[in-house]
Amino acid sequence: MGDEEPPDDCMRCGACCFSESPRHARVSGDDHLRLGDGAEALVEWIGNEAFMRIERVTDGLHKCIALTVDASTSTFACSIYETRPQVCRDLEQGAAGCRGELTAKSARPKRALVVLATRRP
């Protein structure tokens, strides 16, 4: 990815869902309400701010807890797409923010696919 054009299908990318920071995707009060009953499992509170929980894939590689990765088809999907936080809704495919995520994180989804493919039974 990196200097490549953004994919036509975000499910072939996933770069924006990877982070090294627990403050990855801010969850507002409205977002929390939209997430509904599952919010507490998805959200991590840092002080009085809420963020989507980040989970470790392997050392140095972390992803949003809502991101599902299918190594067999090399696809990524948001498990809470309909209720995702506003910050995720605002990230427009192919726009400057998307390109920034690709520039900064393009190797992470590829690495996740390799790691997760080796974990399959």
N, C-alpha and C. Protein backbone atom coordinates (compact mmCIF):
# COMPACT_ATOMS: atom_id res chain seq x y z
N MET A 1 0.85 -1.17 0.00
CA MET A 1 0.00 0.00 0.00
C MET A 1 0.89 1.23 0.00
N GLY A 2 1.08 1.94 1.11
CA GLY A 2 1.98 3.07 1.16
C GLY A 2 1.72 4.12 0.11
N ASP A 3 2.49 4.09 -1.02
CA ASP A 3 2.32 5.07 -2.08
C ASP A 3 1.25 4.65 -3.09
N GLU A 4 0.69 3.48 -2.90
CA GLU A 4 -0.34 2.99 -3.81
C GLU A 4 -1.63 3.77 -3.62
N GLU A 5 -2.50 3.65 -4.60
CA GLU A 5 -3.84 4.23 -4.49
C GLU A 5 -4.61 3.46 -3.42
N PRO A 6 -5.52 4.13 -2.72
CA PRO A 6 -6.37 3.41 -1.76
C PRO A 6 -7.16 2.34 -2.51
N PRO A 7 -7.37 1.20 -1.89
CA PRO A 7 -8.13 0.14 -2.57
C PRO A 7 -9.57 0.58 -2.80
N ASP A 8 -10.19 -0.01 -3.82
CA ASP A 8 -11.59 0.29 -4.10
C ASP A 8 -12.49 -0.20 -2.97
N ASP A 9 -12.02 -1.17 -2.23
CA ASP A 9 -12.80 -1.79 -1.18
C ASP A 9 -12.01 -1.71 0.13
N CYS A 10 -12.54 -0.99 1.10
CA CYS A 10 -11.86 -0.86 2.40
C CYS A 10 -11.60 -2.22 3.04
N MET A 11 -12.38 -3.23 2.68
CA MET A 11 -12.19 -4.55 3.26
C MET A 11 -10.88 -5.18 2.81
N ARG A 12 -10.22 -4.59 1.84
CA ARG A 12 -8.92 -5.08 1.39
C ARG A 12 -7.79 -4.27 2.01
N CYS A 13 -8.11 -3.40 2.95
CA CYS A 13 -7.11 -2.50 3.51
C CYS A 13 -6.98 -2.66 5.03
N GLY A 14 -7.85 -2.00 5.78
CA GLY A 14 -7.82 -2.09 7.23
C GLY A 14 -6.78 -1.23 7.92
N ALA A 15 -5.99 -0.47 7.18
CA ALA A 15 -4.89 0.28 7.78
C ALA A 15 -5.35 1.21 8.90
N CYS A 16 -6.49 1.85 8.73
CA CYS A 16 -6.94 2.83 9.73
C CYS A 16 -7.33 2.19 11.05
N CYS A 17 -7.48 0.90 11.10
CA CYS A 17 -7.91 0.20 12.31
C CYS A 17 -6.75 -0.32 13.15
N PHE A 18 -5.53 -0.02 12.74
CA PHE A 18 -4.34 -0.42 13.48
C PHE A 18 -3.77 0.78 14.21
N SER A 19 -3.25 0.57 15.42
CA SER A 19 -2.70 1.67 16.20
C SER A 19 -1.73 1.14 17.25
N GLU A 20 -0.82 1.99 17.62
CA GLU A 20 0.07 1.69 18.74
C GLU A 20 -0.38 2.42 19.99
N SER A 21 -1.39 3.24 19.87
CA SER A 21 -1.86 4.06 20.97
C SER A 21 -3.21 3.57 21.49
N PRO A 22 -3.39 3.53 22.80
CA PRO A 22 -4.70 3.17 23.34
C PRO A 22 -5.73 4.29 23.10
N ARG A 23 -5.27 5.44 22.63
CA ARG A 23 -6.16 6.56 22.32
C ARG A 23 -6.43 6.60 20.81
N HIS A 24 -6.69 5.45 20.27
CA HIS A 24 -6.83 5.27 18.83
C HIS A 24 -8.07 5.96 18.24
N ALA A 25 -9.23 5.60 18.65
CA ALA A 25 -10.47 6.14 18.09
C ALA A 25 -11.34 6.65 19.23
N ARG A 26 -11.49 7.95 19.29
CA ARG A 26 -12.27 8.60 20.36
C ARG A 26 -13.72 8.17 20.27
N VAL A 27 -14.32 7.89 21.42
CA VAL A 27 -15.73 7.51 21.51
C VAL A 27 -16.44 8.60 22.30
N SER A 28 -17.33 9.32 21.64
CA SER A 28 -18.09 10.38 22.30
C SER A 28 -19.28 9.78 23.05
N GLY A 29 -19.98 10.62 23.76
CA GLY A 29 -21.20 10.16 24.45
C GLY A 29 -22.22 9.62 23.47
N ASP A 30 -22.39 10.31 22.34
CA ASP A 30 -23.33 9.82 21.31
C ASP A 30 -22.88 8.48 20.75
N ASP A 31 -21.56 8.34 20.53
CA ASP A 31 -21.02 7.07 20.04
C ASP A 31 -21.31 5.95 21.04
N HIS A 32 -21.09 6.24 22.30
CA HIS A 32 -21.29 5.25 23.36
C HIS A 32 -22.75 4.79 23.36
N LEU A 33 -23.66 5.71 23.23
CA LEU A 33 -25.08 5.36 23.16
C LEU A 33 -25.37 4.52 21.93
N ARG A 34 -24.78 4.88 20.79
CA ARG A 34 -24.99 4.14 19.55
C ARG A 34 -24.46 2.72 19.67
N LEU A 35 -23.36 2.54 20.39
CA LEU A 35 -22.77 1.20 20.57
C LEU A 35 -23.68 0.30 21.40
N GLY A 36 -24.53 0.91 22.23
CA GLY A 36 -25.54 0.15 22.98
C GLY A 36 -24.96 -0.75 24.05
N ASP A 37 -25.61 -1.89 24.22
CA ASP A 37 -25.26 -2.82 25.30
C ASP A 37 -23.83 -3.34 25.22
N GLY A 38 -23.27 -3.37 24.05
CA GLY A 38 -21.91 -3.89 23.88
C GLY A 38 -20.82 -2.86 24.12
N ALA A 39 -21.19 -1.64 24.43
CA ALA A 39 -20.22 -0.55 24.54
C ALA A 39 -19.10 -0.85 25.53
N GLU A 40 -19.42 -1.35 26.68
CA GLU A 40 -18.39 -1.54 27.71
C GLU A 40 -17.32 -2.55 27.28
N ALA A 41 -17.69 -3.53 26.48
CA ALA A 41 -16.70 -4.51 25.99
C ALA A 41 -15.81 -3.92 24.91
N LEU A 42 -16.28 -2.87 24.25
CA LEU A 42 -15.57 -2.27 23.13
C LEU A 42 -14.76 -1.04 23.50
N VAL A 43 -15.11 -0.43 24.61
CA VAL A 43 -14.57 0.87 24.97
C VAL A 43 -13.61 0.75 26.15
N GLU A 44 -12.54 1.52 26.06
CA GLU A 44 -11.59 1.64 27.18
C GLU A 44 -11.62 3.09 27.64
N TRP A 45 -11.74 3.27 28.94
CA TRP A 45 -11.74 4.61 29.52
C TRP A 45 -10.32 4.97 29.95
N ILE A 46 -9.86 6.11 29.52
CA ILE A 46 -8.57 6.65 29.94
C ILE A 46 -8.89 8.00 30.56
N GLY A 47 -8.83 8.04 31.88
CA GLY A 47 -9.30 9.23 32.59
C GLY A 47 -10.79 9.34 32.36
N ASN A 48 -11.23 10.50 31.92
CA ASN A 48 -12.66 10.68 31.65
C ASN A 48 -12.97 10.65 30.15
N GLU A 49 -12.06 10.10 29.36
CA GLU A 49 -12.26 9.97 27.92
C GLU A 49 -12.39 8.50 27.53
N ALA A 50 -13.22 8.26 26.53
CA ALA A 50 -13.43 6.89 26.06
C ALA A 50 -12.84 6.73 24.66
N PHE A 51 -12.27 5.56 24.43
CA PHE A 51 -11.65 5.21 23.15
C PHE A 51 -12.00 3.77 22.82
N MET A 52 -12.00 3.45 21.52
CA MET A 52 -12.17 2.05 21.15
C MET A 52 -10.99 1.26 21.72
N ARG A 53 -11.29 0.11 22.27
CA ARG A 53 -10.28 -0.75 22.87
C ARG A 53 -9.34 -1.28 21.77
N ILE A 54 -8.08 -1.34 22.07
CA ILE A 54 -7.07 -1.86 21.15
C ILE A 54 -6.61 -3.22 21.68
N GLU A 55 -6.49 -4.20 20.78
CA GLU A 55 -6.02 -5.53 21.21
C GLU A 55 -4.72 -5.88 20.50
N ARG A 56 -3.91 -6.64 21.18
CA ARG A 56 -2.60 -7.04 20.67
C ARG A 56 -2.77 -8.20 19.69
N VAL A 57 -2.19 -8.05 18.51
CA VAL A 57 -2.12 -9.15 17.55
C VAL A 57 -0.83 -9.92 17.80
N THR A 58 0.26 -9.18 17.94
CA THR A 58 1.57 -9.72 18.28
C THR A 58 2.40 -8.55 18.78
N ASP A 59 3.61 -8.80 19.24
CA ASP A 59 4.45 -7.71 19.74
C ASP A 59 4.54 -6.59 18.71
N GLY A 60 4.21 -5.39 19.14
CA GLY A 60 4.31 -4.23 18.27
C GLY A 60 3.20 -4.08 17.25
N LEU A 61 2.20 -4.94 17.28
CA LEU A 61 1.11 -4.88 16.32
C LEU A 61 -0.21 -4.96 17.07
N HIS A 62 -0.99 -3.89 16.99
CA HIS A 62 -2.26 -3.79 17.71
C HIS A 62 -3.35 -3.31 16.76
N LYS A 63 -4.57 -3.77 16.99
CA LYS A 63 -5.69 -3.38 16.13
C LYS A 63 -6.90 -3.05 16.98
N CYS A 64 -7.83 -2.32 16.39
CA CYS A 64 -9.09 -2.02 17.05
C CYS A 64 -9.81 -3.34 17.33
N ILE A 65 -10.40 -3.43 18.50
CA ILE A 65 -11.08 -4.66 18.90
C ILE A 65 -12.24 -5.00 17.96
N ALA A 66 -12.80 -4.01 17.29
CA ALA A 66 -13.93 -4.26 16.40
C ALA A 66 -13.51 -4.76 15.02
N LEU A 67 -12.22 -4.72 14.71
CA LEU A 67 -11.76 -5.16 13.40
C LEU A 67 -11.63 -6.68 13.37
N THR A 68 -12.31 -7.29 12.43
CA THR A 68 -12.16 -8.73 12.22
C THR A 68 -11.26 -8.92 11.01
N VAL A 69 -10.34 -9.85 11.13
CA VAL A 69 -9.38 -10.12 10.07
C VAL A 69 -9.57 -11.56 9.63
N ASP A 70 -9.77 -11.76 8.35
CA ASP A 70 -9.88 -13.10 7.80
C ASP A 70 -8.64 -13.35 6.95
N ALA A 71 -7.69 -14.04 7.53
CA ALA A 71 -6.42 -14.29 6.85
C ALA A 71 -6.60 -15.15 5.60
N SER A 72 -7.61 -16.02 5.60
CA SER A 72 -7.80 -16.90 4.45
C SER A 72 -8.26 -16.15 3.20
N THR A 73 -8.95 -15.03 3.38
CA THR A 73 -9.41 -14.24 2.24
C THR A 73 -8.73 -12.87 2.16
N SER A 74 -7.82 -12.61 3.09
CA SER A 74 -7.11 -11.32 3.16
C SER A 74 -8.07 -10.14 3.23
N THR A 75 -9.10 -10.28 4.06
CA THR A 75 -10.07 -9.20 4.20
C THR A 75 -10.17 -8.73 5.64
N PHE A 76 -10.62 -7.50 5.77
CA PHE A 76 -10.80 -6.85 7.05
C PHE A 76 -12.23 -6.32 7.10
N ALA A 77 -12.88 -6.43 8.23
CA ALA A 77 -14.24 -5.90 8.34
C ALA A 77 -14.47 -5.36 9.74
N CYS A 78 -15.23 -4.29 9.81
CA CYS A 78 -15.60 -3.73 11.10
C CYS A 78 -16.81 -4.50 11.61
N SER A 79 -16.67 -5.11 12.77
CA SER A 79 -17.75 -5.91 13.33
C SER A 79 -18.89 -5.04 13.88
N ILE A 80 -18.65 -3.75 13.98
CA ILE A 80 -19.68 -2.82 14.50
C ILE A 80 -19.94 -1.71 13.49
N TYR A 81 -19.81 -2.00 12.22
CA TYR A 81 -19.87 -0.98 11.18
C TYR A 81 -21.09 -0.05 11.32
N GLU A 82 -22.24 -0.60 11.56
CA GLU A 82 -23.46 0.21 11.65
C GLU A 82 -23.46 1.13 12.86
N THR A 83 -22.73 0.79 13.90
CA THR A 83 -22.72 1.59 15.13
C THR A 83 -21.35 2.19 15.43
N ARG A 84 -20.43 2.14 14.48
CA ARG A 84 -19.06 2.61 14.68
C ARG A 84 -19.02 4.08 15.14
N PRO A 85 -17.94 4.46 15.84
CA PRO A 85 -17.81 5.85 16.31
C PRO A 85 -17.77 6.85 15.16
N GLN A 86 -18.10 8.09 15.47
CA GLN A 86 -18.15 9.15 14.46
C GLN A 86 -16.79 9.37 13.79
N VAL A 87 -15.72 9.26 14.55
CA VAL A 87 -14.39 9.46 13.96
C VAL A 87 -14.14 8.45 12.83
N CYS A 88 -14.66 7.26 12.97
CA CYS A 88 -14.54 6.25 11.92
C CYS A 88 -15.47 6.58 10.75
N ARG A 89 -16.65 7.06 11.06
CA ARG A 89 -17.61 7.45 10.02
C ARG A 89 -17.07 8.60 9.17
N ASP A 90 -16.31 9.49 9.81
CA ASP A 90 -15.79 10.68 9.13
C ASP A 90 -14.58 10.40 8.24
N LEU A 91 -13.94 9.24 8.40
CA LEU A 91 -12.77 8.92 7.59
C LEU A 91 -13.24 8.47 6.22
N GLU A 92 -13.12 9.35 5.25
CA GLU A 92 -13.62 9.09 3.91
C GLU A 92 -12.59 8.34 3.08
N GLN A 93 -13.02 7.26 2.48
CA GLN A 93 -12.14 6.43 1.65
C GLN A 93 -11.50 7.26 0.54
N GLY A 94 -10.18 7.22 0.47
CA GLY A 94 -9.42 7.91 -0.57
C GLY A 94 -9.13 9.36 -0.27
N ALA A 95 -9.74 9.93 0.77
CA ALA A 95 -9.50 11.33 1.13
C ALA A 95 -8.16 11.46 1.85
N ALA A 96 -7.80 12.68 2.20
CA ALA A 96 -6.50 12.95 2.82
C ALA A 96 -6.27 12.11 4.08
N GLY A 97 -7.28 11.98 4.93
CA GLY A 97 -7.13 11.19 6.16
C GLY A 97 -6.84 9.73 5.86
N CYS A 98 -7.53 9.20 4.89
CA CYS A 98 -7.32 7.81 4.46
C CYS A 98 -5.89 7.63 3.93
N ARG A 99 -5.47 8.54 3.09
CA ARG A 99 -4.11 8.46 2.52
C ARG A 99 -3.05 8.58 3.62
N GLY A 100 -3.32 9.41 4.61
CA GLY A 100 -2.41 9.53 5.74
C GLY A 100 -2.29 8.22 6.51
N GLU A 101 -3.43 7.57 6.73
CA GLU A 101 -3.42 6.27 7.41
C GLU A 101 -2.63 5.25 6.59
N LEU A 102 -2.82 5.25 5.29
CA LEU A 102 -2.08 4.32 4.42
C LEU A 102 -0.58 4.58 4.49
N THR A 103 -0.20 5.85 4.46
CA THR A 103 1.22 6.21 4.51
C THR A 103 1.84 5.75 5.81
N ALA A 104 1.14 5.96 6.91
CA ALA A 104 1.69 5.65 8.22
C ALA A 104 1.60 4.17 8.58
N LYS A 105 0.59 3.47 8.07
CA LYS A 105 0.28 2.14 8.60
C LYS A 105 0.16 1.03 7.57
N SER A 106 0.56 1.24 6.35
CA SER A 106 0.29 0.26 5.30
C SER A 106 0.88 -1.12 5.57
N ALA A 107 1.97 -1.20 6.30
CA ALA A 107 2.58 -2.51 6.57
C ALA A 107 1.83 -3.30 7.64
N ARG A 108 1.08 -2.62 8.48
CA ARG A 108 0.42 -3.31 9.61
C ARG A 108 -0.62 -4.33 9.19
N PRO A 109 -1.54 -4.01 8.28
CA PRO A 109 -2.50 -5.05 7.88
C PRO A 109 -1.83 -6.25 7.23
N LYS A 110 -0.81 -5.99 6.41
CA LYS A 110 -0.10 -7.09 5.77
C LYS A 110 0.56 -7.99 6.81
N ARG A 111 1.16 -7.36 7.82
CA ARG A 111 1.80 -8.13 8.89
C ARG A 111 0.76 -8.92 9.68
N ALA A 112 -0.39 -8.32 9.94
CA ALA A 112 -1.45 -9.03 10.66
C ALA A 112 -1.91 -10.26 9.89
N LEU A 113 -2.03 -10.14 8.58
CA LEU A 113 -2.44 -11.29 7.77
C LEU A 113 -1.44 -12.43 7.90
N VAL A 114 -0.16 -12.10 7.86
CA VAL A 114 0.88 -13.12 8.00
C VAL A 114 0.81 -13.78 9.37
N VAL A 115 0.74 -12.97 10.41
CA VAL A 115 0.69 -13.49 11.78
C VAL A 115 -0.53 -14.36 11.98
N LEU A 116 -1.69 -13.88 11.57
CA LEU A 116 -2.92 -14.63 11.80
C LEU A 116 -3.01 -15.88 10.93
N ALA A 117 -2.41 -15.85 9.75
CA ALA A 117 -2.42 -17.04 8.88
C ALA A 117 -1.61 -18.17 9.52
N THR A 118 -0.58 -17.82 10.25
CA THR A 118 0.24 -18.86 10.89
C THR A 118 -0.44 -19.43 12.13
N ARG A 119 -1.46 -18.77 12.63
CA ARG A 119 -2.20 -19.25 13.81
C ARG A 119 -3.32 -20.20 13.46
N ARG A 120 -3.67 -20.29 12.17
CA ARG A 120 -4.77 -21.17 11.77
C ARG A 120 -4.41 -22.61 12.05
N PRO A 121 -5.42 -23.40 12.45
CA PRO A 121 -5.17 -24.84 12.71
C PRO A 121 -4.83 -25.61 11.47
